[in-house]
Amino acid sequence: MKPMKWTLPMLVVFLFFCCLLPRKAEGHGTDYRILDARPAVAVEFIYSDNQPMRYAEVLVFSPQTDDFEHQNGRTDMNGRFVFYPDAPGKWRIQADDGTGHLERVSIDIAPGADGQAGWGGITDQSHGHDHDHIHNGLPRLWGIILGISIIINLFMGFYLFQSRRA
């Protein structure tokens, strides 16, 4: 029974030092959907759990300049933002909710048959995200299972510790 005397303090020290190890911070991500492309471009900004990015600040940069925005505004209650491109080319859209979530979109607007921008539609949308990719680490079900497992293991460890003490 003497080796049991140092087991719990060593376990506590080990867990303490494990908590000090650097880890990658995991937060929920952002994404977007293009809702309509003629003649306006409507974009829906969402978090990785499909909740809308409500009232996020949006900046639109035209193909001619990256120095200042062509248009700015906010998403609506459903995370949607609409703009009318006035020239063909690669337009950049950026949505920032002010709490550390930023989504950037590049959309290539094709010239239409009449030469007007936007009427030709979107020829290329560089999406940057895989819709099947999970942005926030583990899926919610695995997080629940992991949490329950940790709680059960803590109780089992406490039970074993108490039974060996008695």
C-alpha atoms as a PDB file:
ATOM      1  CA  MET A   1       0.000   0.000   0.000  1.00  0.00           C
ATOM      2  CA  LYS A   2       2.980   2.356   0.217  1.00  0.00           C
ATOM      3  CA  PRO A   3       3.151   3.006  -3.581  1.00  0.00           C
ATOM      4  CA  MET A   4      -0.463   4.309  -3.506  1.00  0.00           C
ATOM      5  CA  LYS A   5       0.660   7.089  -1.174  1.00  0.00           C
ATOM      6  CA  TRP A   6       2.417   8.984  -4.008  1.00  0.00           C
ATOM      7  CA  THR A   7       0.032   8.114  -6.851  1.00  0.00           C
ATOM      8  CA  LEU A   8      -2.527  10.886  -6.359  1.00  0.00           C
ATOM      9  CA  PRO A   9       0.011  13.703  -5.804  1.00  0.00           C
ATOM     10  CA  MET A  10       1.979  12.555  -8.866  1.00  0.00           C
ATOM     11  CA  LEU A  11      -1.226  12.441 -10.913  1.00  0.00           C
ATOM     12  CA  VAL A  12      -2.130  15.978  -9.818  1.00  0.00           C
ATOM     13  CA  VAL A  13       1.372  17.250 -10.705  1.00  0.00           C
ATOM     14  CA  PHE A  14       1.231  15.489 -14.091  1.00  0.00           C
ATOM     15  CA  LEU A  15      -2.186  16.988 -14.916  1.00  0.00           C
ATOM     16  CA  PHE A  16      -1.007  20.431 -13.788  1.00  0.00           C
ATOM     17  CA  PHE A  17       1.967  20.324 -16.160  1.00  0.00           C
ATOM     18  CA  CYS A  18      -0.228  18.987 -18.970  1.00  0.00           C
ATOM     19  CA  CYS A  19      -2.395  22.079 -18.577  1.00  0.00           C
ATOM     20  CA  LEU A  20       0.673  24.281 -19.070  1.00  0.00           C
ATOM     21  CA  LEU A  21       1.504  22.787 -22.476  1.00  0.00           C
ATOM     22  CA  PRO A  22       0.741  25.085 -25.395  1.00  0.00           C
ATOM     23  CA  ARG A  23      -2.395  24.204 -27.305  1.00  0.00           C
ATOM     24  CA  LYS A  24      -4.100  25.423 -30.407  1.00  0.00           C
ATOM     25  CA  ALA A  25      -7.120  27.554 -29.567  1.00  0.00           C
ATOM     26  CA  GLU A  26     -10.283  26.184 -31.103  1.00  0.00           C
ATOM     27  CA  GLY A  27     -13.201  28.481 -31.737  1.00  0.00           C
ATOM     28  CA  HIS A  28     -16.125  28.190 -34.055  1.00  0.00           C
ATOM     29  CA  GLY A  29     -15.453  29.241 -37.615  1.00  0.00           C
ATOM     30  CA  THR A  30     -17.344  31.212 -40.190  1.00  0.00           C
ATOM     31  CA  ASP A  31     -18.604  30.505 -43.674  1.00  0.00           C
ATOM     32  CA  TYR A  32     -20.741  32.054 -46.403  1.00  0.00           C
ATOM     33  CA  ARG A  33     -23.247  31.237 -49.145  1.00  0.00           C
ATOM     34  CA  ILE A  34     -23.906  33.171 -52.348  1.00  0.00           C
ATOM     35  CA  LEU A  35     -27.660  33.542 -52.584  1.00  0.00           C
ATOM     36  CA  ASP A  36     -28.156  35.288 -55.931  1.00  0.00           C
ATOM     37  CA  ALA A  37     -25.852  36.705 -58.553  1.00  0.00           C
ATOM     38  CA  ARG A  38     -28.054  38.613 -61.012  1.00  0.00           C
ATOM     39  CA  PRO A  39     -27.790  41.605 -61.091  1.00  0.00           C
ATOM     40  CA  ALA A  40     -26.979  41.937 -57.411  1.00  0.00           C
ATOM     41  CA  VAL A  41     -24.716  39.653 -55.416  1.00  0.00           C
ATOM     42  CA  ALA A  42     -26.231  38.489 -52.150  1.00  0.00           C
ATOM     43  CA  VAL A  43     -23.950  36.746 -49.680  1.00  0.00           C
ATOM     44  CA  GLU A  44     -25.005  35.032 -46.463  1.00  0.00           C
ATOM     45  CA  PHE A  45     -22.369  34.924 -43.719  1.00  0.00           C
ATOM     46  CA  ILE A  46     -22.768  32.146 -41.167  1.00  0.00           C
ATOM     47  CA  TYR A  47     -20.891  30.563 -38.290  1.00  0.00           C
ATOM     48  CA  SER A  48     -19.787  26.934 -38.501  1.00  0.00           C
ATOM     49  CA  ASP A  49     -22.908  25.867 -36.568  1.00  0.00           C
ATOM     50  CA  ASN A  50     -25.081  27.484 -39.308  1.00  0.00           C
ATOM     51  CA  GLN A  51     -26.101  30.429 -37.112  1.00  0.00           C
ATOM     52  CA  PRO A  52     -26.131  33.750 -39.025  1.00  0.00           C
ATOM     53  CA  MET A  53     -23.442  36.377 -38.444  1.00  0.00           C
ATOM     54  CA  ARG A  54     -25.971  39.026 -37.397  1.00  0.00           C
ATOM     55  CA  TYR A  55     -25.063  42.694 -37.902  1.00  0.00           C
ATOM     56  CA  ALA A  56     -21.441  41.969 -38.819  1.00  0.00           C
ATOM     57  CA  GLU A  57     -19.443  44.786 -40.431  1.00  0.00           C
ATOM     58  CA  VAL A  58     -18.937  44.152 -44.163  1.00  0.00           C
ATOM     59  CA  LEU A  59     -16.359  45.750 -46.473  1.00  0.00           C
ATOM     60  CA  VAL A  60     -16.503  45.280 -50.264  1.00  0.00           C
ATOM     61  CA  PHE A  61     -13.357  45.930 -52.325  1.00  0.00           C
ATOM     62  CA  SER A  62     -13.580  46.431 -56.097  1.00  0.00           C
ATOM     63  CA  PRO A  63     -11.165  44.872 -58.611  1.00  0.00           C
ATOM     64  CA  GLN A  64      -9.648  48.332 -59.261  1.00  0.00           C
ATOM     65  CA  THR A  65      -8.364  49.080 -55.758  1.00  0.00           C
ATOM     66  CA  ASP A  66      -7.466  47.417 -52.480  1.00  0.00           C
ATOM     67  CA  ASP A  67      -6.660  50.706 -50.728  1.00  0.00           C
ATOM     68  CA  PHE A  68     -10.197  51.593 -49.678  1.00  0.00           C
ATOM     69  CA  GLU A  69     -13.534  49.859 -49.762  1.00  0.00           C
ATOM     70  CA  HIS A  70     -15.983  50.282 -52.612  1.00  0.00           C
ATOM     71  CA  GLN A  71     -18.891  49.743 -50.229  1.00  0.00           C
ATOM     72  CA  ASN A  72     -19.362  49.085 -46.543  1.00  0.00           C
ATOM     73  CA  GLY A  73     -22.267  48.171 -44.335  1.00  0.00           C
ATOM     74  CA  ARG A  74     -23.613  45.511 -42.023  1.00  0.00           C
ATOM     75  CA  THR A  75     -25.290  42.171 -42.485  1.00  0.00           C
ATOM     76  CA  ASP A  76     -28.951  41.952 -41.607  1.00  0.00           C
ATOM     77  CA  MET A  77     -30.549  39.820 -38.896  1.00  0.00           C
ATOM     78  CA  ASN A  78     -30.133  36.742 -41.117  1.00  0.00           C
ATOM     79  CA  GLY A  79     -26.429  37.397 -41.822  1.00  0.00           C
ATOM     80  CA  ARG A  80     -27.109  38.545 -45.407  1.00  0.00           C
ATOM     81  CA  PHE A  81     -25.454  41.328 -47.353  1.00  0.00           C
ATOM     82  CA  VAL A  82     -26.222  42.490 -50.908  1.00  0.00           C
ATOM     83  CA  PHE A  83     -24.140  44.609 -53.257  1.00  0.00           C
ATOM     84  CA  TYR A  84     -24.273  45.577 -56.929  1.00  0.00           C
ATOM     85  CA  PRO A  85     -20.935  45.208 -58.721  1.00  0.00           C
ATOM     86  CA  ASP A  86     -20.332  47.933 -61.305  1.00  0.00           C
ATOM     87  CA  ALA A  87     -17.357  46.329 -63.072  1.00  0.00           C
ATOM     88  CA  PRO A  88     -16.281  42.816 -63.979  1.00  0.00           C
ATOM     89  CA  GLY A  89     -13.343  41.275 -62.127  1.00  0.00           C
ATOM     90  CA  LYS A  90     -12.421  39.832 -58.762  1.00  0.00           C
ATOM     91  CA  TRP A  91     -14.356  41.424 -55.925  1.00  0.00           C
ATOM     92  CA  ARG A  92     -13.324  40.874 -52.315  1.00  0.00           C
ATOM     93  CA  ILE A  93     -15.846  40.859 -49.476  1.00  0.00           C
ATOM     94  CA  GLN A  94     -14.915  40.758 -45.806  1.00  0.00           C
ATOM     95  CA  ALA A  95     -17.284  40.294 -42.854  1.00  0.00           C
ATOM     96  CA  ASP A  96     -16.132  40.956 -39.285  1.00  0.00           C
ATOM     97  CA  ASP A  97     -18.492  40.463 -36.342  1.00  0.00           C
ATOM     98  CA  GLY A  98     -16.247  42.376 -33.933  1.00  0.00           C
ATOM     99  CA  THR A  99     -15.675  39.386 -31.643  1.00  0.00           C
ATOM    100  CA  GLY A 100     -12.760  37.818 -33.508  1.00  0.00           C
ATOM    101  CA  HIS A 101     -14.657  36.125 -36.337  1.00  0.00           C
ATOM    102  CA  LEU A 102     -13.629  37.224 -39.818  1.00  0.00           C
ATOM    103  CA  GLU A 103     -14.708  35.745 -43.148  1.00  0.00           C
ATOM    104  CA  ARG A 104     -13.139  36.754 -46.476  1.00  0.00           C
ATOM    105  CA  VAL A 105     -14.702  36.007 -49.852  1.00  0.00           C
ATOM    106  CA  SER A 106     -13.329  36.453 -53.369  1.00  0.00           C
ATOM    107  CA  ILE A 107     -15.855  36.473 -56.196  1.00  0.00           C
ATOM    108  CA  ASP A 108     -14.998  36.770 -59.888  1.00  0.00           C
ATOM    109  CA  ILE A 109     -17.779  38.685 -61.655  1.00  0.00           C
ATOM    110  CA  ALA A 110     -17.970  37.957 -65.388  1.00  0.00           C
ATOM    111  CA  PRO A 111     -18.938  40.652 -67.872  1.00  0.00           C
ATOM    112  CA  GLY A 112     -22.402  40.127 -69.302  1.00  0.00           C
ATOM    113  CA  ALA A 113     -23.411  39.940 -72.934  1.00  0.00           C
ATOM    114  CA  ASP A 114     -24.228  43.630 -72.855  1.00  0.00           C
ATOM    115  CA  GLY A 115     -20.935  44.461 -71.100  1.00  0.00           C
ATOM    116  CA  GLN A 116     -22.584  45.187 -67.781  1.00  0.00           C
ATOM    117  CA  ALA A 117     -20.948  43.683 -64.722  1.00  0.00           C
ATOM    118  CA  GLY A 118     -22.903  41.097 -62.809  1.00  0.00           C
ATOM    119  CA  TRP A 119     -25.270  40.182 -65.628  1.00  0.00           C
ATOM    120  CA  GLY A 120     -22.843  37.517 -66.804  1.00  0.00           C
ATOM    121  CA  GLY A 121     -22.927  35.924 -63.384  1.00  0.00           C
ATOM    122  CA  ILE A 122     -20.182  34.516 -61.251  1.00  0.00           C
ATOM    123  CA  THR A 123     -17.541  32.617 -63.191  1.00  0.00           C
ATOM    124  CA  ASP A 124     -15.342  31.687 -60.258  1.00  0.00           C
ATOM    125  CA  GLN A 125     -15.928  31.759 -56.568  1.00  0.00           C
ATOM    126  CA  SER A 126     -12.856  30.976 -54.532  1.00  0.00           C
ATOM    127  CA  HIS A 127     -14.541  29.527 -51.510  1.00  0.00           C
ATOM    128  CA  GLY A 128     -11.642  28.560 -49.255  1.00  0.00           C
ATOM    129  CA  HIS A 129     -13.790  26.235 -47.106  1.00  0.00           C
ATOM    130  CA  ASP A 130     -14.890  22.673 -47.564  1.00  0.00           C
ATOM    131  CA  HIS A 131     -18.555  22.439 -46.536  1.00  0.00           C
ATOM    132  CA  ASP A 132     -17.940  19.012 -45.008  1.00  0.00           C
ATOM    133  CA  HIS A 133     -15.051  20.323 -42.907  1.00  0.00           C
ATOM    134  CA  ILE A 134     -15.794  20.816 -39.239  1.00  0.00           C
ATOM    135  CA  HIS A 135     -14.459  24.248 -38.276  1.00  0.00           C
ATOM    136  CA  ASN A 136     -14.680  23.992 -34.535  1.00  0.00           C
ATOM    137  CA  GLY A 137     -12.617  20.891 -33.821  1.00  0.00           C
ATOM    138  CA  LEU A 138     -14.660  17.909 -32.704  1.00  0.00           C
ATOM    139  CA  PRO A 139     -18.292  17.454 -33.711  1.00  0.00           C
ATOM    140  CA  ARG A 140     -20.752  18.253 -30.940  1.00  0.00           C
ATOM    141  CA  LEU A 141     -21.656  14.573 -30.355  1.00  0.00           C
ATOM    142  CA  TRP A 142     -18.001  13.613 -29.841  1.00  0.00           C
ATOM    143  CA  GLY A 143     -17.587  16.506 -27.411  1.00  0.00           C
ATOM    144  CA  ILE A 144     -20.546  15.285 -25.375  1.00  0.00           C
ATOM    145  CA  ILE A 145     -19.211  11.717 -25.362  1.00  0.00           C
ATOM    146  CA  LEU A 146     -15.762  12.956 -24.329  1.00  0.00           C
ATOM    147  CA  GLY A 147     -17.218  15.050 -21.494  1.00  0.00           C
ATOM    148  CA  ILE A 148     -19.274  12.167 -20.146  1.00  0.00           C
ATOM    149  CA  SER A 149     -16.243   9.877 -20.375  1.00  0.00           C
ATOM    150  CA  ILE A 150     -14.098  12.307 -18.387  1.00  0.00           C
ATOM    151  CA  ILE A 151     -16.744  12.606 -15.666  1.00  0.00           C
ATOM    152  CA  ILE A 152     -17.127   8.803 -15.417  1.00  0.00           C
ATOM    153  CA  ASN A 153     -13.354   8.337 -15.277  1.00  0.00           C
ATOM    154  CA  LEU A 154     -13.010  10.925 -12.505  1.00  0.00           C
ATOM    155  CA  PHE A 155     -15.683   9.194 -10.422  1.00  0.00           C
ATOM    156  CA  MET A 156     -14.121   5.756 -11.063  1.00  0.00           C
ATOM    157  CA  GLY A 157     -10.716   7.076 -10.032  1.00  0.00           C
ATOM    158  CA  PHE A 158     -12.168   8.590  -6.891  1.00  0.00           C
ATOM    159  CA  TYR A 159     -14.002   5.318  -6.125  1.00  0.00           C
ATOM    160  CA  LEU A 160     -10.829   3.254  -6.583  1.00  0.00           C
ATOM    161  CA  PHE A 161      -8.872   5.671  -4.431  1.00  0.00           C
ATOM    162  CA  GLN A 162     -11.478   5.501  -1.658  1.00  0.00           C
ATOM    163  CA  SER A 163     -11.786   1.690  -1.815  1.00  0.00           C
ATOM    164  CA  ARG A 164      -8.030   1.216  -1.509  1.00  0.00           C
ATOM    165  CA  ARG A 165      -7.884   3.659   1.399  1.00  0.00           C
ATOM    166  CA  ALA A 166     -10.478   1.779   3.410  1.00  0.00           C
END
